[in-house]
Amino acid sequence: MTVEGEPGHFGDRLINRIRNLENPLCVGLDPFLDKIPSLFRHGSMTPHDERTVPAVCAFLSAVLERIGDKVAIVKPQAALFERLGWRGMQLLDKVIRQASNLGLLVLMDAKRGDIGSTATAYAGAFLTEDAPFRSDALTISPFLGRDTLTPYLDAARETGAGVFVLVKTSNPGSGDYQDLAVGNRTLSETIAHSLKDLAQAHVGPETGWSSLGVVVGATYPKQADELRKILPKSIFLIPGYGAQGGDADDAFRAFVAGPRGLEGGIINSSRGILFPKNCETTDAASWEASFDSGLTATIDSLAEARERHR
């Protein structure tokens, strides 16, 4: 794992890297097989075809090489690697290692959540010193209760990792449960209040940002405003930007002033970065140009929005 800022503290490492790069973009690594560019496709591109994983590996390796010095963090979607069976899990290991070697932080999007020894095993898969898929941070679900967060937080503290707790997700149906009233608060706000002391206990000594972050979708900016009031030192993982309909201005709603501009969140883009327009080519130089253009456009768009919200 990379080390920036205070050694062993995820919040400090992430915020320092964002400050240095001056952009909060998080690139989601979502290898949808039907969207892999033609330059990299090989064989049937089905999960059981032994040619599929090498093709996806070549694609993701090329992506990582092109973003390594431009963004702070990547977010592999575990489910899309699991869909590829044992070869997919080997690929996930390779992706984590390559990203880390390039200086990128790795946020594993696995949304784990369970009780007791099962939660401990999940934490051991991604966050402990001997984790086979050792990541800098992990998304987790609070649905089974606050005590089920303890194994993840304990492992994170020991290894300098972070966790992002699901609070207000970006999908259209999130309100079915997350907006339900619990007394005079929504369920999302109730969860956020339950995390306040835990977030404070994991604040970094250098930047003041916590290694306990929360997931708050760009598609719900008003809710993000309220959640920021409750959790002033938690880094927000903000999905829903771009392909899911959230715009850059909404994504920055929960950011706050820092020494180098607005900070306090990472804005995820997956499909918009991985599969830009005009990327269907069998010429490597053309694909690289198309990919770089899309990445630059996204970073520039976020920079403009960040400036508007100063």
Protein backbone atom coordinates (compact mmCIF):
# COMPACT_ATOMS: atom_id res chain seq x y z
CA MET A 1 0.00 0.00 0.00
CA THR A 2 1.15 3.53 -0.66
CA VAL A 3 2.10 5.84 2.18
CA GLU A 4 1.37 9.56 2.08
CA GLY A 5 0.85 11.98 4.93
CA GLU A 6 0.63 10.35 8.36
CA PRO A 7 1.84 6.74 7.98
CA GLY A 8 -0.87 4.25 8.73
CA HIS A 9 -3.86 6.58 8.46
CA PHE A 10 -6.13 6.23 5.46
CA GLY A 11 -7.89 9.58 5.83
CA ASP A 12 -4.61 11.47 5.89
CA ARG A 13 -3.16 9.53 2.96
CA LEU A 14 -6.23 10.05 0.81
CA ILE A 15 -6.72 13.74 1.54
CA ASN A 16 -3.02 14.51 1.07
CA ARG A 17 -3.00 12.78 -2.28
CA ILE A 18 -6.12 14.66 -3.38
CA ARG A 19 -4.56 17.94 -2.27
CA ASN A 20 -1.43 17.22 -4.28
CA LEU A 21 -3.35 16.25 -7.43
CA GLU A 22 -5.99 18.95 -6.93
CA ASN A 23 -8.85 16.70 -7.99
CA PRO A 24 -11.16 14.35 -6.05
CA LEU A 25 -11.90 11.91 -8.87
CA CYS A 26 -12.22 8.24 -7.96
CA VAL A 27 -12.15 5.91 -10.97
CA GLY A 28 -14.47 2.93 -10.62
CA LEU A 29 -13.09 -0.26 -12.10
CA ASP A 30 -16.26 -1.95 -13.38
CA PRO A 31 -15.30 -4.46 -16.11
CA PHE A 32 -18.67 -5.01 -17.78
CA LEU A 33 -17.87 -7.65 -20.37
CA ASP A 34 -20.21 -6.29 -23.05
CA LYS A 35 -18.55 -2.87 -22.82
CA ILE A 36 -14.89 -3.87 -23.04
CA PRO A 37 -13.48 -1.96 -26.06
CA SER A 38 -12.91 -3.96 -29.23
CA LEU A 39 -9.16 -3.34 -29.02
CA PHE A 40 -9.00 -5.65 -26.00
CA ARG A 41 -11.76 -8.18 -26.70
CA HIS A 42 -10.79 -11.78 -27.32
CA GLY A 43 -12.88 -14.91 -27.73
CA SER A 44 -16.54 -15.00 -26.69
CA MET A 45 -16.06 -12.59 -23.74
CA THR A 46 -18.26 -14.80 -21.57
CA PRO A 47 -17.39 -15.58 -17.93
CA HIS A 48 -16.40 -19.20 -18.56
CA ASP A 49 -14.25 -18.56 -21.63
CA GLU A 50 -10.63 -18.83 -20.48
CA ARG A 51 -9.72 -16.03 -22.91
CA THR A 52 -12.01 -13.50 -21.19
CA VAL A 53 -10.00 -12.73 -18.07
CA PRO A 54 -6.72 -12.12 -19.96
CA ALA A 55 -8.65 -9.72 -22.21
CA VAL A 56 -10.12 -7.87 -19.23
CA CYS A 57 -6.71 -7.88 -17.56
CA ALA A 58 -5.11 -6.20 -20.57
CA PHE A 59 -7.86 -3.57 -20.58
CA LEU A 60 -7.69 -2.74 -16.88
CA SER A 61 -3.90 -2.74 -16.93
CA ALA A 62 -3.95 -0.17 -19.73
CA VAL A 63 -6.48 1.92 -17.81
CA LEU A 64 -4.38 1.89 -14.64
CA GLU A 65 -1.26 2.92 -16.52
CA ARG A 66 -3.10 5.93 -17.95
CA ILE A 67 -4.63 7.13 -14.68
CA GLY A 68 -1.82 6.33 -12.24
CA ASP A 69 -0.49 9.87 -11.92
CA LYS A 70 -3.81 11.66 -12.47
CA VAL A 71 -6.18 10.43 -9.74
CA ALA A 72 -5.85 9.56 -6.07
CA ILE A 73 -7.89 6.40 -5.81
CA VAL A 74 -9.58 3.58 -7.72
CA LYS A 75 -12.64 1.55 -6.74
CA PRO A 76 -12.82 -2.02 -8.06
CA GLN A 77 -16.35 -3.42 -8.01
CA ALA A 78 -15.86 -6.84 -6.41
CA ALA A 79 -19.03 -8.36 -7.87
CA LEU A 80 -17.84 -7.95 -11.45
CA PHE A 81 -14.65 -9.84 -10.64
CA GLU A 82 -16.52 -12.53 -8.70
CA ARG A 83 -18.73 -13.02 -11.77
CA LEU A 84 -15.61 -14.26 -13.58
CA GLY A 85 -15.00 -17.10 -11.11
CA TRP A 86 -11.58 -18.11 -9.84
CA ARG A 87 -9.85 -16.43 -12.75
CA GLY A 88 -11.65 -13.22 -11.86
CA MET A 89 -10.38 -13.37 -8.30
CA GLN A 90 -6.83 -13.81 -9.57
CA LEU A 91 -7.46 -10.79 -11.77
CA LEU A 92 -8.68 -8.77 -8.78
CA ASP A 93 -5.42 -9.57 -6.98
CA LYS A 94 -3.42 -8.38 -10.00
CA VAL A 95 -5.45 -5.17 -10.26
CA ILE A 96 -4.91 -4.37 -6.58
CA ARG A 97 -1.18 -4.97 -6.86
CA GLN A 98 -0.75 -2.95 -10.04
CA ALA A 99 -2.79 -0.04 -8.70
CA SER A 100 -0.79 0.01 -5.46
CA ASN A 101 2.52 -0.16 -7.35
CA LEU A 102 1.41 2.88 -9.36
CA GLY A 103 0.75 4.83 -6.17
CA LEU A 104 -3.03 4.60 -6.35
CA LEU A 105 -5.11 3.98 -3.26
CA VAL A 106 -7.52 1.06 -3.61
CA LEU A 107 -11.08 1.24 -2.30
CA MET A 108 -12.74 -2.17 -2.57
CA ASP A 109 -16.43 -1.81 -3.34
CA ALA A 110 -17.75 -5.02 -1.81
CA LYS A 111 -20.49 -3.69 0.52
CA ARG A 112 -19.84 -6.38 3.10
CA GLY A 113 -21.96 -6.63 6.24
CA ASP A 114 -22.52 -9.55 8.61
CA ILE A 115 -22.30 -10.55 12.24
CA GLY A 116 -19.54 -11.90 14.49
CA SER A 117 -16.99 -14.25 13.02
CA THR A 118 -18.35 -13.76 9.49
CA ALA A 119 -17.70 -10.02 9.64
CA THR A 120 -14.22 -10.78 10.98
CA ALA A 121 -13.61 -13.06 8.00
CA TYR A 122 -14.78 -10.40 5.56
CA ALA A 123 -12.43 -7.90 7.21
CA GLY A 124 -9.67 -10.49 6.96
CA ALA A 125 -10.25 -10.81 3.22
CA PHE A 126 -9.68 -7.11 2.51
CA LEU A 127 -8.28 -5.11 5.42
CA THR A 128 -5.92 -7.10 7.65
CA GLU A 129 -2.16 -7.37 7.25
CA ASP A 130 -2.47 -10.86 5.74
CA ALA A 131 -5.58 -10.12 3.64
CA PRO A 132 -5.43 -11.87 0.25
CA PHE A 133 -7.09 -8.85 -1.38
CA ARG A 134 -5.45 -6.20 0.78
CA SER A 135 -7.08 -2.86 0.07
CA ASP A 136 -6.74 0.64 1.46
CA ALA A 137 -10.45 0.83 2.23
CA LEU A 138 -13.68 -1.17 2.00
CA THR A 139 -17.37 -0.32 1.60
CA ILE A 140 -19.52 -1.89 4.32
CA SER A 141 -23.22 -2.09 5.22
CA PRO A 142 -24.54 -1.02 8.66
CA PHE A 143 -27.90 -2.80 8.27
CA LEU A 144 -27.19 -5.54 10.82
CA GLY A 145 -26.27 -3.09 13.56
CA ARG A 146 -23.47 -0.92 14.86
CA ASP A 147 -21.71 -3.82 16.60
CA THR A 148 -21.17 -5.50 13.20
CA LEU A 149 -18.95 -2.58 12.14
CA THR A 150 -16.42 -3.34 14.89
CA PRO A 151 -14.41 -6.07 13.09
CA TYR A 152 -13.88 -3.80 10.09
CA LEU A 153 -12.94 -0.78 12.19
CA ASP A 154 -10.57 -2.84 14.34
CA ALA A 155 -8.81 -4.23 11.27
CA ALA A 156 -8.69 -0.79 9.68
CA ARG A 157 -7.09 0.74 12.76
CA GLU A 158 -4.42 -1.96 12.89
CA THR A 159 -3.40 -1.59 9.23
CA GLY A 160 -4.09 2.08 8.56
CA ALA A 161 -7.02 1.30 6.29
CA GLY A 162 -10.42 2.95 5.97
CA VAL A 163 -14.08 2.02 5.71
CA PHE A 164 -16.98 3.66 3.90
CA VAL A 165 -20.36 2.95 5.47
CA LEU A 166 -23.48 2.94 3.27
CA VAL A 167 -25.68 5.83 4.40
CA LYS A 168 -27.54 7.33 1.43
CA THR A 169 -26.96 5.44 -1.80
CA SER A 170 -27.40 6.82 -5.33
CA ASN A 171 -29.91 4.32 -6.72
CA PRO A 172 -33.52 5.43 -7.40
CA GLY A 173 -34.99 3.00 -4.87
CA SER A 174 -32.73 4.04 -1.99
CA GLY A 175 -35.56 6.03 -0.45
CA ASP A 176 -37.68 2.91 0.01
CA TYR A 177 -35.80 2.35 3.27
CA GLN A 178 -33.21 5.09 3.69
CA ASP A 179 -35.77 7.94 3.70
CA LEU A 180 -38.14 6.29 6.19
CA ALA A 181 -38.79 8.32 9.31
CA VAL A 182 -37.20 7.14 12.54
CA GLY A 183 -38.59 9.57 15.08
CA ASN A 184 -37.84 13.03 13.69
CA ARG A 185 -35.01 11.81 11.42
CA THR A 186 -34.70 9.70 8.32
CA LEU A 187 -33.07 6.31 8.57
CA SER A 188 -30.03 7.71 6.73
CA GLU A 189 -29.69 10.50 9.27
CA THR A 190 -30.16 8.02 12.12
CA ILE A 191 -27.32 5.88 10.77
CA ALA A 192 -25.14 8.98 10.37
CA HIS A 193 -25.78 10.04 13.98
CA SER A 194 -24.82 6.55 15.16
CA LEU A 195 -21.47 6.95 13.42
CA LYS A 196 -20.50 10.33 14.90
CA ASP A 197 -18.36 9.09 17.78
CA LEU A 198 -16.78 6.35 15.66
CA ALA A 199 -15.85 8.85 12.97
CA GLN A 200 -14.30 11.16 15.56
CA ALA A 201 -12.28 8.27 17.02
CA HIS A 202 -10.69 7.68 13.61
CA VAL A 203 -9.75 11.29 12.77
CA GLY A 204 -6.29 11.68 11.27
CA PRO A 205 -3.59 13.61 13.17
CA GLU A 206 -2.44 15.53 10.09
CA THR A 207 -5.49 16.50 8.03
CA GLY A 208 -8.27 16.13 10.57
CA TRP A 209 -10.25 13.84 8.28
CA SER A 210 -11.55 10.52 9.50
CA SER A 211 -10.78 7.07 8.13
CA LEU A 212 -14.46 6.28 8.67
CA GLY A 213 -16.15 7.61 5.57
CA VAL A 214 -19.70 7.32 4.30
CA VAL A 215 -21.36 6.63 0.95
CA VAL A 216 -23.64 9.50 -0.09
CA GLY A 217 -24.95 9.64 -3.67
CA ALA A 218 -24.57 12.70 -5.88
CA THR A 219 -28.19 12.13 -6.93
CA TYR A 220 -29.41 13.35 -3.51
CA PRO A 221 -27.68 16.68 -2.86
CA LYS A 222 -30.14 17.97 -0.24
CA GLN A 223 -29.68 14.86 1.86
CA ALA A 224 -25.92 15.26 1.46
CA ASP A 225 -26.18 18.75 3.00
CA GLU A 226 -27.84 17.35 6.11
CA LEU A 227 -25.45 14.42 6.40
CA ARG A 228 -22.44 16.73 6.22
CA LYS A 229 -23.79 18.64 9.23
CA ILE A 230 -23.93 15.37 11.17
CA LEU A 231 -20.54 14.03 10.04
CA PRO A 232 -18.26 17.04 9.51
CA LYS A 233 -15.02 15.02 9.44
CA SER A 234 -16.07 11.98 7.42
CA ILE A 235 -14.90 11.67 3.83
CA PHE A 236 -17.88 11.21 1.51
CA LEU A 237 -17.68 8.60 -1.23
CA ILE A 238 -19.99 10.11 -3.83
CA PRO A 239 -21.34 7.71 -6.48
CA GLY A 240 -24.00 8.62 -9.00
CA TYR A 241 -21.96 11.27 -10.84
CA GLY A 242 -22.16 11.12 -14.63
CA ALA A 243 -23.83 7.98 -15.97
CA GLN A 244 -26.31 7.79 -13.06
CA GLY A 245 -27.48 11.37 -13.52
CA GLY A 246 -25.69 13.34 -10.79
CA ASP A 247 -23.89 16.46 -12.00
CA ALA A 248 -20.62 17.98 -10.84
CA ASP A 249 -22.25 20.79 -8.89
CA ASP A 250 -24.39 18.34 -6.92
CA ALA A 251 -21.36 16.17 -6.26
CA PHE A 252 -19.55 19.07 -4.58
CA ARG A 253 -22.43 20.07 -2.29
CA ALA A 254 -20.97 18.29 0.74
CA PHE A 255 -17.37 19.47 0.26
CA VAL A 256 -15.86 22.01 2.65
CA ALA A 257 -13.04 24.52 2.48
CA GLY A 258 -9.51 23.16 2.91
CA PRO A 259 -5.98 24.54 2.55
CA ARG A 260 -5.96 23.86 -1.22
CA GLY A 261 -9.62 24.33 -2.04
CA LEU A 262 -12.74 22.31 -1.40
CA GLU A 263 -12.21 18.84 0.02
CA GLY A 264 -13.83 16.11 2.05
CA GLY A 265 -15.04 13.72 -0.62
CA ILE A 266 -14.18 11.52 -3.56
CA ILE A 267 -16.40 11.63 -6.63
CA ASN A 268 -16.70 8.30 -8.39
CA SER A 269 -16.99 7.82 -12.13
CA SER A 270 -16.90 4.34 -13.61
CA ARG A 271 -18.53 3.92 -17.01
CA GLY A 272 -17.90 7.54 -17.98
CA ILE A 273 -14.15 7.01 -17.62
CA LEU A 274 -13.76 3.38 -18.69
CA PHE A 275 -15.97 3.50 -21.75
CA PRO A 276 -15.81 6.98 -23.31
CA LYS A 277 -17.46 7.87 -26.59
CA ASN A 278 -15.55 6.98 -29.74
CA CYS A 279 -13.52 4.29 -27.95
CA GLU A 280 -14.52 1.56 -30.42
CA THR A 281 -11.31 1.11 -32.36
CA THR A 282 -8.73 -1.59 -32.90
CA ASP A 283 -5.93 0.97 -33.03
CA ALA A 284 -4.10 1.37 -29.72
CA ALA A 285 -3.10 4.99 -30.30
CA SER A 286 -6.69 5.94 -31.13
CA TRP A 287 -8.01 4.22 -28.01
CA GLU A 288 -5.40 5.94 -25.85
CA ALA A 289 -6.31 9.33 -27.31
CA SER A 290 -10.02 8.73 -26.76
CA PHE A 291 -9.51 7.50 -23.21
CA ASP A 292 -7.18 10.38 -22.29
CA SER A 293 -9.61 12.90 -23.76
CA GLY A 294 -12.50 11.56 -21.72
CA LEU A 295 -10.45 11.46 -18.53
CA THR A 296 -9.21 15.01 -19.04
CA ALA A 297 -12.74 16.24 -19.75
CA THR A 298 -14.01 14.71 -16.51
CA ILE A 299 -11.17 16.15 -14.44
CA ASP A 300 -11.67 19.58 -16.04
CA SER A 301 -15.42 19.46 -15.41
CA LEU A 302 -14.84 18.67 -11.74
CA ALA A 303 -12.24 21.45 -11.50
CA GLU A 304 -14.71 23.97 -12.91
CA ALA A 305 -17.43 22.88 -10.50
CA ARG A 306 -15.00 22.98 -7.60
CA GLU A 307 -14.09 26.55 -8.51
CA ARG A 308 -17.76 27.56 -8.69
CA HIS A 309 -18.30 26.30 -5.16
CA ARG A 310 -15.26 27.97 -3.59
